[in-house]
C-alpha cells in the first residue's frame, strides 16, 4: 500500500520536546511518531464490515445500524474518505471499521425508536408530520368470557410505522381492571383469545394501576383489593396464555403501571400503602416472568420549571418525590435482575386539566426523559406517552382542541429524542 502524508501542527514547546526526545533516543523523529501512533492505534480498524449502499441510506442510518448511535457517522466518513456525507451513491461499497459482529438488531414492526407518544388514536398524525413516528397507546376492555374470541386490529397504526402498545383491561369502574380472583383463569383465556385474533401489536400491558381503589373489581367502596401477590398471579396466567398462542411466543407482556402518590392499597408487608413498595413487591413476585415495565408519572401543575423539581412528599413519605420526577423513584426501585427490560411511561399529564397556554411543559418533559436516556448507565425509557387524545365524559385530560398544548408537543417533536439508535 502506498505511503500517505498527513500534516499536523504542534506548538513550539511540544516541537522542542519531540525533537529532543528523538535525539535522546538516537532515532529519527518520524520513527518515534510512527511507533507511538502504531501503539496508540493497536489493531483498531484492521477489521471491518463491508456494506453496499442501497436507496434511502445515509451515513447516520449506517452508524445507527452498525454502532447503535448516529454520532459514529463521522467514523465511517473518515475511514472511507467521504468529504460530503450527503453524496452517497446506490451501490457504493463502504468499509465499516470495528463494526459490531452483526448490525444492531432492527426494531420489530410496531415498535418506535422515538420516545414521543400519545394515549389513544387520533393525534398520531402530529408525529407523522414531524417525521417522528412515536408510540400510540390503545386501551381495550375485554371482559372474562373464555369463549369470547373477538379480536382487534391495530395494523392501521403499525403499518404506518408507529409503535403500538395495547393496555388490556377486564373492565372499567366498577368492573375492575382485573376481574374477581376466582375469574383470573377465564380472564387469561379471554386475553389469549383476543391477542390471537388481533393484528398489528406485540406489546401488551395487563391492567392498570391495581393499587388504586377505583380499579378494584366491584368498585372503590366494596371491591376486591388487588394485592401485588394477586396481580402477579393474574399477570402470569395472562402471559402464559399470550405467549402460548401461535405467532406470539416473543410478544412483550408488560406489567401494569402503579399509580404514584396513592396509598389506598395497604397489606401486611406494606402497612402504609406506599406505591413504590407495592411496585417493588409486584416486580419481585413477577421475577423473570415479565417482558417490560409500565410506569405513570405526573406533574402537579403546568409549570415547566417543576419538571426538574426535587420536591418531596409530606409526612411519612418525605423520601418520595412529589413532582414529575416521581418516575425516578420507580426506576431506582426496579430490581437489578430486571434492569435490562424495556420501560414505558404510558401516561403523563399535569394532574389537572391541561393548561392551554403558551409554555414549554411538554418540551421540558421530553427533554427530561432524553437527559435520563443520555446516561449510558441508566435503564432506557422507551416512551413518554401524553394522556390523552380522545374526549371522554368525566375525563378532563383530552388534548383535542387545546392549540397551545398541541403547539408545545409539535415543538418537542422537532428534537431527535430517541431511546434507540
Protein backbone atom coordinates (compact mmCIF):
# COMPACT_ATOMS: atom_id res chain seq x y z
CA UNK A 1 0.00 0.00 0.00
CA UNK A 2 1.33 3.44 -0.95
CA UNK A 3 2.51 5.78 1.80
CA UNK A 4 0.36 8.77 2.69
CA UNK A 5 1.43 12.13 4.03
CA UNK A 6 -0.51 13.57 6.99
CA UNK A 7 0.36 17.08 8.11
CA UNK A 8 -0.40 18.42 11.55
CA UNK A 9 0.79 21.35 13.65
CA UNK A 10 2.06 21.34 17.23
CA UNK A 11 3.02 24.26 19.43
CA UNK A 12 6.66 25.31 19.77
CA UNK A 13 7.22 23.81 23.21
CA UNK A 14 5.91 20.39 22.15
CA UNK A 15 8.01 20.56 18.96
CA UNK A 16 11.19 21.14 21.02
CA UNK A 17 10.33 18.27 23.35
CA UNK A 18 9.68 15.91 20.41
CA UNK A 19 12.97 16.76 18.72
CA UNK A 20 14.91 16.47 21.94
CA UNK A 21 13.30 13.15 22.83
CA UNK A 22 14.15 11.73 19.42
CA UNK A 23 17.75 12.89 19.87
CA UNK A 24 17.87 11.35 23.33
CA UNK A 25 16.77 8.01 21.85
CA UNK A 26 19.17 8.44 18.94
CA UNK A 27 16.42 7.90 16.40
CA UNK A 28 14.60 9.88 13.77
CA UNK A 29 11.60 11.94 14.82
CA UNK A 30 9.40 10.29 12.20
CA UNK A 31 10.29 6.83 13.51
CA UNK A 32 9.31 7.85 17.04
CA UNK A 33 5.98 9.26 15.86
CA UNK A 34 5.17 6.21 13.74
CA UNK A 35 5.98 3.83 16.58
CA UNK A 36 3.88 5.74 19.07
CA UNK A 37 0.97 6.11 16.67
CA UNK A 38 1.00 2.38 15.92
CA UNK A 39 0.96 1.60 19.65
CA UNK A 40 -1.91 4.05 20.18
CA UNK A 41 -3.96 2.51 17.37
CA UNK A 42 -3.33 -1.10 18.31
CA UNK A 43 -5.41 -3.26 15.99
CA UNK A 44 -8.28 -0.75 15.79
CA UNK A 45 -9.60 -0.51 12.24
CA UNK A 46 -7.89 -3.64 10.95
CA UNK A 47 -11.23 -5.44 10.87
CA UNK A 48 -14.28 -4.04 9.14
CA UNK A 49 -17.68 -4.93 7.74
CA UNK A 50 -18.46 -4.34 4.07
CA UNK A 51 -21.71 -2.58 3.23
CA UNK A 52 -23.22 -1.86 -0.17
CA UNK A 53 -25.30 1.33 -0.12
CA UNK A 54 -28.99 0.95 -1.01
CA UNK A 55 -31.64 3.54 -1.78
CA UNK A 56 -32.53 5.86 1.10
CA UNK A 57 -29.48 5.08 3.24
CA UNK A 58 -27.33 7.73 4.90
CA UNK A 59 -24.20 7.68 7.00
CA UNK A 60 -26.30 8.40 10.07
CA UNK A 61 -28.53 5.40 9.37
CA UNK A 62 -25.49 3.18 8.79
CA UNK A 63 -23.89 4.39 12.01
CA UNK A 64 -27.09 3.55 13.88
CA UNK A 65 -27.19 0.14 12.20
CA UNK A 66 -23.58 -0.88 12.85
CA UNK A 67 -22.74 1.03 16.04
CA UNK A 68 -26.10 1.83 17.62
CA UNK A 69 -25.51 5.60 17.59
CA UNK A 70 -25.74 8.17 14.80
CA UNK A 71 -22.76 10.20 16.04
CA UNK A 72 -20.45 7.48 14.70
CA UNK A 73 -21.24 8.58 11.12
CA UNK A 74 -18.02 10.65 11.21
CA UNK A 75 -16.04 7.42 11.74
CA UNK A 76 -17.49 5.86 8.58
CA UNK A 77 -16.93 9.06 6.61
CA UNK A 78 -13.27 9.33 7.67
CA UNK A 79 -12.49 5.65 7.07
CA UNK A 80 -13.95 5.83 3.56
CA UNK A 81 -12.59 9.32 2.80
CA UNK A 82 -16.04 10.77 2.23
CA UNK A 83 -15.90 14.56 2.13
CA UNK A 84 -19.62 15.13 1.51
CA UNK A 85 -21.79 12.77 3.60
CA UNK A 86 -24.86 13.76 1.56
CA UNK A 87 -23.49 12.27 -1.65
CA UNK A 88 -23.70 8.53 -1.02
CA UNK A 89 -24.38 6.55 -4.19
CA UNK A 90 -26.56 3.47 -4.50
CA UNK A 91 -24.14 0.56 -4.99
CA UNK A 92 -21.24 2.36 -3.31
CA UNK A 93 -19.12 -0.06 -1.26
CA UNK A 94 -18.24 1.13 2.23
CA UNK A 95 -16.00 -0.35 4.87
CA UNK A 96 -17.30 -0.05 8.43
CA UNK A 97 -14.34 -0.25 10.84
CA UNK A 98 -14.69 -2.19 14.07
CA UNK A 99 -18.39 -2.70 13.42
CA UNK A 100 -20.33 -4.85 15.80
CA UNK A 101 -20.09 -8.50 14.81
CA UNK A 102 -23.59 -8.13 13.40
CA UNK A 103 -25.51 -4.94 12.73
CA UNK A 104 -27.61 -3.63 15.60
CA UNK A 105 -30.88 -5.57 15.56
CA UNK A 106 -33.55 -3.56 13.77
CA UNK A 107 -36.75 -2.87 15.66
CA UNK A 108 -39.75 -5.07 15.05
CA UNK A 109 -42.70 -3.64 13.18
CA UNK A 110 -44.93 -1.99 15.77
CA UNK A 111 -42.01 -0.53 17.76
CA UNK A 112 -40.70 3.02 17.57
CA UNK A 113 -37.17 4.33 18.16
CA UNK A 114 -38.64 7.62 19.45
CA UNK A 115 -39.85 8.41 22.97
CA UNK A 116 -42.78 10.52 21.75
CA UNK A 117 -46.27 9.13 22.16
CA UNK A 118 -49.99 9.75 22.58
CA UNK A 119 -52.63 7.88 24.53
CA UNK A 120 -55.43 6.95 22.05
CA UNK A 121 -55.71 7.04 18.31
CA UNK A 122 -56.44 10.29 16.52
CA UNK A 123 -53.44 12.54 17.12
CA UNK A 124 -50.69 10.37 15.66
CA UNK A 125 -50.64 12.49 12.51
CA UNK A 126 -48.79 15.16 14.53
CA UNK A 127 -45.90 12.74 14.96
CA UNK A 128 -46.13 11.66 11.33
CA UNK A 129 -45.98 15.21 10.03
CA UNK A 130 -42.84 15.83 12.08
CA UNK A 131 -41.16 12.66 10.80
CA UNK A 132 -41.05 11.32 14.37
CA UNK A 133 -43.44 8.39 14.35
CA UNK A 134 -43.60 7.56 18.03
CA UNK A 135 -45.99 5.46 20.07
CA UNK A 136 -49.76 5.15 20.19
CA UNK A 137 -51.27 3.51 23.25
CA UNK A 138 -54.70 1.94 22.84
CA UNK A 139 -56.81 0.62 25.73
CA UNK A 140 -59.29 -2.22 25.29
CA UNK A 141 -61.89 -3.72 27.62
CA UNK A 142 -62.17 -7.45 27.03
CA UNK A 143 -64.16 -8.99 29.90
CA UNK A 144 -63.58 -12.52 31.21
CA UNK A 145 -65.61 -14.72 28.89
CA UNK A 146 -63.23 -17.55 28.00
CA UNK A 147 -65.42 -18.38 24.97
CA UNK A 148 -65.15 -14.90 23.50
CA UNK A 149 -62.77 -14.97 20.53
CA UNK A 150 -63.28 -11.43 19.25
CA UNK A 151 -60.08 -9.62 18.34
CA UNK A 152 -58.89 -6.14 17.42
CA UNK A 153 -56.98 -4.59 14.53
CA UNK A 154 -54.03 -2.29 15.26
CA UNK A 155 -52.34 -2.74 11.89
CA UNK A 156 -53.61 0.65 10.75
CA UNK A 157 -51.01 2.08 13.13
CA UNK A 158 -48.12 -0.36 12.82
CA UNK A 159 -48.39 -0.43 9.01
CA UNK A 160 -47.72 3.32 9.03
CA UNK A 161 -44.59 2.90 11.16
CA UNK A 162 -45.93 3.81 14.59
CA UNK A 163 -45.11 1.93 17.76
CA UNK A 164 -48.20 0.26 19.22
CA UNK A 165 -48.87 -0.56 22.88
CA UNK A 166 -52.19 -2.07 23.91
CA UNK A 167 -53.38 -1.99 27.51
CA UNK A 168 -55.81 -4.82 28.20
CA UNK A 169 -58.40 -4.19 30.91
CA UNK A 170 -61.00 -6.57 32.22
CA UNK A 171 -63.24 -3.52 32.52
CA UNK A 172 -63.60 -0.06 33.98
CA UNK A 173 -65.08 1.14 37.28
CA UNK A 174 -66.86 -0.69 38.86
CA UNK A 175 -65.97 -3.84 36.88
CA UNK A 176 -62.27 -3.65 37.76
CA UNK A 177 -59.10 -3.54 35.73
CA UNK A 178 -58.77 -7.23 36.71
CA UNK A 179 -61.79 -9.44 37.48
CA UNK A 180 -62.52 -11.02 40.82
CA UNK A 181 -59.74 -13.50 41.65
CA UNK A 182 -61.95 -16.53 41.01
CA UNK A 183 -62.14 -15.47 37.34
CA UNK A 184 -58.42 -14.96 36.73
CA UNK A 185 -58.09 -18.15 34.65
CA UNK A 186 -61.10 -17.24 32.50
CA UNK A 187 -59.78 -13.70 32.05
CA UNK A 188 -56.39 -15.06 30.97
CA UNK A 189 -58.09 -17.29 28.38
CA UNK A 190 -60.03 -14.31 27.08
CA UNK A 191 -56.82 -12.26 26.88
CA UNK A 192 -55.13 -15.06 24.93
CA UNK A 193 -58.09 -15.34 22.57
CA UNK A 194 -58.12 -11.60 21.94
CA UNK A 195 -54.37 -11.47 21.26
CA UNK A 196 -54.50 -14.47 18.92
CA UNK A 197 -57.28 -12.87 16.86
CA UNK A 198 -55.69 -9.40 16.78
CA UNK A 199 -53.14 -7.93 14.38
CA UNK A 200 -50.58 -5.14 14.40
CA UNK A 201 -49.39 -5.33 18.02
CA UNK A 202 -46.99 -7.43 20.10
CA UNK A 203 -46.70 -5.25 23.26
CA UNK A 204 -49.47 -5.86 25.81
CA UNK A 205 -49.91 -4.17 29.21
CA UNK A 206 -52.02 -6.23 31.61
CA UNK A 207 -54.30 -4.00 33.65
CA UNK A 208 -53.91 -0.51 35.05
CA UNK A 209 -52.93 0.98 38.43
CA UNK A 210 -54.07 -2.00 40.54
CA UNK A 211 -53.13 -0.14 43.73
CA UNK A 212 -56.00 2.34 43.17
CA UNK A 213 -59.35 1.61 44.78
CA UNK A 214 -61.22 2.71 41.67
CA UNK A 215 -59.58 -0.14 39.71
CA UNK A 216 -60.85 -2.89 42.04
CA UNK A 217 -63.45 -5.36 40.79
CA UNK A 218 -66.65 -4.29 42.49
CA UNK A 219 -65.69 -0.62 42.70
CA UNK A 220 -63.79 1.52 45.22
CA UNK A 221 -66.16 1.08 48.16
CA UNK A 222 -66.63 -2.67 48.40
CA UNK A 223 -64.42 -4.07 45.64
CA UNK A 224 -61.82 -6.79 46.00
CA UNK A 225 -58.42 -5.38 46.92
CA UNK A 226 -55.70 -6.28 44.38
CA UNK A 227 -52.50 -7.04 46.29
CA UNK A 228 -49.17 -7.49 44.49
CA UNK A 229 -49.50 -11.25 45.03
CA UNK A 230 -52.91 -11.29 43.34
CA UNK A 231 -51.75 -9.10 40.49
CA UNK A 232 -48.69 -11.30 39.89
CA UNK A 233 -50.84 -14.44 39.82
CA UNK A 234 -53.20 -12.95 37.24
CA UNK A 235 -50.36 -11.49 35.17
CA UNK A 236 -48.53 -14.80 34.91
CA UNK A 237 -51.67 -16.58 33.74
CA UNK A 238 -52.18 -13.92 31.06
CA UNK A 239 -48.55 -14.02 29.96
CA UNK A 240 -48.61 -17.81 29.66
CA UNK A 241 -51.74 -17.62 27.52
CA UNK A 242 -50.40 -14.88 25.26
CA UNK A 243 -47.05 -16.49 24.64
CA UNK A 244 -48.59 -19.91 24.00
CA UNK A 245 -50.63 -18.57 21.09
CA UNK A 246 -49.36 -19.05 17.50
CA UNK A 247 -47.08 -16.21 16.42
CA UNK A 248 -46.91 -14.63 19.88
CA UNK A 249 -44.12 -16.56 21.61
CA UNK A 250 -41.89 -13.47 21.59
CA UNK A 251 -44.51 -10.87 22.48
CA UNK A 252 -43.76 -8.39 25.25
CA UNK A 253 -46.18 -8.80 28.15
CA UNK A 254 -45.78 -5.70 30.30
CA UNK A 255 -46.64 -5.15 33.96
CA UNK A 256 -49.30 -2.59 34.89
CA UNK A 257 -48.26 0.92 35.88
CA UNK A 258 -48.66 1.62 39.59
CA UNK A 259 -50.44 4.84 40.49
CA UNK A 260 -47.95 7.30 42.04
CA UNK A 261 -48.71 9.03 45.35
CA UNK A 262 -51.58 6.62 46.07
CA UNK A 263 -51.79 4.81 49.43
CA UNK A 264 -55.21 3.15 49.10
CA UNK A 265 -53.93 -0.42 48.97
CA UNK A 266 -52.44 -1.48 52.30
CA UNK A 267 -51.50 -5.06 53.11
CA UNK A 268 -49.35 -6.94 55.60
CA UNK A 269 -45.94 -6.26 54.04
CA UNK A 270 -46.89 -2.67 53.17
CA UNK A 271 -48.97 -1.21 56.01
CA UNK A 272 -48.65 2.37 54.76
CA UNK A 273 -49.74 1.55 51.20
CA UNK A 274 -46.51 3.03 49.77
CA UNK A 275 -46.85 2.96 45.96
CA UNK A 276 -43.13 2.30 45.42
CA UNK A 277 -43.17 -0.62 47.86
CA UNK A 278 -46.20 -2.03 46.02
CA UNK A 279 -44.25 -1.66 42.75
CA UNK A 280 -41.19 -3.42 44.20
CA UNK A 281 -43.25 -6.27 45.62
CA UNK A 282 -45.08 -6.75 42.32
CA UNK A 283 -41.87 -6.91 40.28
CA UNK A 284 -40.15 -9.20 42.77
CA UNK A 285 -43.07 -11.61 42.54
CA UNK A 286 -43.04 -11.50 38.74
CA UNK A 287 -39.30 -12.13 38.62
CA UNK A 288 -38.17 -13.10 35.14
CA UNK A 289 -41.74 -13.78 34.03
CA UNK A 290 -42.25 -10.24 32.77
CA UNK A 291 -41.07 -8.70 29.49
CA UNK A 292 -41.43 -4.99 30.15
CA UNK A 293 -42.43 -2.45 32.79
CA UNK A 294 -45.04 0.32 32.50
CA UNK A 295 -44.85 3.50 34.60
CA UNK A 296 -47.04 6.54 35.13
CA UNK A 297 -45.52 9.89 36.03
CA UNK A 298 -47.45 13.10 36.59
CA UNK A 299 -46.93 16.74 37.42
CA UNK A 300 -48.87 18.78 39.96
CA UNK A 301 -49.37 21.73 37.63
CA UNK A 302 -48.47 23.18 34.26
CA UNK A 303 -45.34 24.99 35.40
CA UNK A 304 -42.49 23.73 33.18
CA UNK A 305 -39.93 24.68 35.85
CA UNK A 306 -41.35 21.93 38.06
CA UNK A 307 -40.41 19.20 35.60
CA UNK A 308 -36.99 19.04 37.25
CA UNK A 309 -38.23 19.74 40.79
CA UNK A 310 -36.81 17.51 43.52
CA UNK A 311 -39.63 18.42 45.95
CA UNK A 312 -40.64 15.62 48.30
CA UNK A 313 -43.92 14.34 49.69
CA UNK A 314 -45.25 15.20 53.13
CA UNK A 315 -45.11 13.45 56.49
CA UNK A 316 -44.34 9.74 56.32
CA UNK A 317 -43.28 9.84 52.67
CA UNK A 318 -40.57 12.51 52.72
CA UNK A 319 -38.28 10.14 50.80
CA UNK A 320 -40.64 10.09 47.78
CA UNK A 321 -40.60 12.68 45.00
CA UNK A 322 -43.83 14.67 44.64
CA UNK A 323 -43.49 16.06 41.11
CA UNK A 324 -42.84 14.82 37.58
CA UNK A 325 -39.62 13.15 38.70
CA UNK A 326 -41.63 10.53 40.55
CA UNK A 327 -40.56 8.35 37.61
CA UNK A 328 -37.04 8.32 39.10
CA UNK A 329 -38.33 6.70 42.29
CA UNK A 330 -39.79 3.91 40.16
CA UNK A 331 -36.66 3.50 38.03
CA UNK A 332 -34.45 3.24 41.10
CA UNK A 333 -36.79 0.65 42.63
CA UNK A 334 -36.58 -1.80 39.72
CA UNK A 335 -34.82 -4.97 40.90
CA UNK A 336 -31.31 -5.34 39.38
CA UNK A 337 -32.29 -8.57 37.63
CA UNK A 338 -34.91 -6.64 35.61
CA UNK A 339 -32.79 -3.65 34.61
CA UNK A 340 -32.35 -4.80 31.04
CA UNK A 341 -36.11 -4.78 30.38
CA UNK A 342 -37.97 -2.20 28.29
CA UNK A 343 -39.59 0.56 30.35
CA UNK A 344 -42.55 2.51 29.00
CA UNK A 345 -44.06 5.61 30.59
CA UNK A 346 -47.58 5.03 29.35
CA UNK A 347 -49.23 8.07 30.94
CA UNK A 348 -48.11 11.57 31.79
CA UNK A 349 -50.12 14.73 32.31
CA UNK A 350 -50.32 17.75 34.59
CA UNK A 351 -52.62 16.09 37.16
CA UNK A 352 -55.07 18.89 36.38
CA UNK A 353 -56.77 19.73 33.09
CA UNK A 354 -54.06 20.55 30.55
CA UNK A 355 -53.14 24.22 30.91
CA UNK A 356 -53.87 25.57 27.43
CA UNK A 357 -51.49 28.49 27.33
CA UNK A 358 -48.12 29.08 25.70
CA UNK A 359 -45.44 27.40 27.76
CA UNK A 360 -42.85 24.68 27.37
CA UNK A 361 -44.21 21.97 29.69
CA UNK A 362 -44.35 19.25 27.02
CA UNK A 363 -40.96 20.23 25.62
CA UNK A 364 -39.37 20.19 29.07
CA UNK A 365 -40.93 16.81 29.90
CA UNK A 366 -39.44 15.19 26.80
CA UNK A 367 -36.11 16.91 27.38
CA UNK A 368 -36.06 15.46 30.90
CA UNK A 369 -36.59 11.89 29.67
CA UNK A 370 -33.97 12.44 26.97
CA UNK A 371 -31.49 13.52 29.65
CA UNK A 372 -32.22 10.35 31.58
CA UNK A 373 -31.71 8.20 28.48
CA UNK A 374 -28.48 10.01 27.60
CA UNK A 375 -26.77 8.44 30.61
CA UNK A 376 -25.48 5.08 29.34
CA UNK A 377 -25.50 3.60 32.86
CA UNK A 378 -29.27 4.04 33.21
CA UNK A 379 -32.05 1.75 32.03
CA UNK A 380 -33.65 3.22 28.92
CA UNK A 381 -37.16 4.63 28.97
CA UNK A 382 -38.71 3.86 25.59
CA UNK A 383 -41.74 6.14 25.69
CA UNK A 384 -43.29 9.16 27.34
CA UNK A 385 -46.95 8.99 26.32
CA UNK A 386 -49.14 12.06 26.80
CA UNK A 387 -52.51 11.33 28.39
CA UNK A 388 -54.73 11.65 26.41
CA UNK A 389 -56.02 12.47 22.93
CA UNK A 390 -59.65 11.34 23.00
CA UNK A 391 -62.50 13.12 24.78
CA UNK A 392 -64.31 11.02 27.38
CA UNK A 393 -67.12 12.02 29.72
CA UNK A 394 -65.71 12.86 33.13
CA UNK A 395 -62.11 12.80 31.88
CA UNK A 396 -60.53 16.27 31.96
CA UNK A 397 -57.28 15.46 30.17
CA UNK A 398 -58.18 15.46 26.48
CA UNK A 399 -55.66 17.27 24.29
CA UNK A 400 -58.04 17.76 21.38
CA UNK A 401 -58.74 21.42 20.67
CA UNK A 402 -56.03 22.66 23.04
CA UNK A 403 -54.00 24.52 20.46
CA UNK A 404 -51.25 25.74 22.77
CA UNK A 405 -50.61 22.27 24.20
CA UNK A 406 -50.57 20.79 20.70
CA UNK A 407 -48.13 23.51 19.58
CA UNK A 408 -45.93 22.62 22.55
CA UNK A 409 -45.99 18.95 21.50
CA UNK A 410 -45.14 19.87 17.91
CA UNK A 411 -42.19 21.94 19.14
CA UNK A 412 -40.95 18.95 21.17
CA UNK A 413 -41.22 16.81 18.04
CA UNK A 414 -38.55 18.93 16.37
CA UNK A 415 -35.98 17.17 18.56
CA UNK A 416 -34.39 13.83 17.79
CA UNK A 417 -35.37 12.25 21.09
CA UNK A 418 -34.70 8.53 20.70
CA UNK A 419 -34.21 5.64 23.05
CA UNK A 420 -32.80 3.56 20.18
CA UNK A 421 -30.05 4.48 17.76
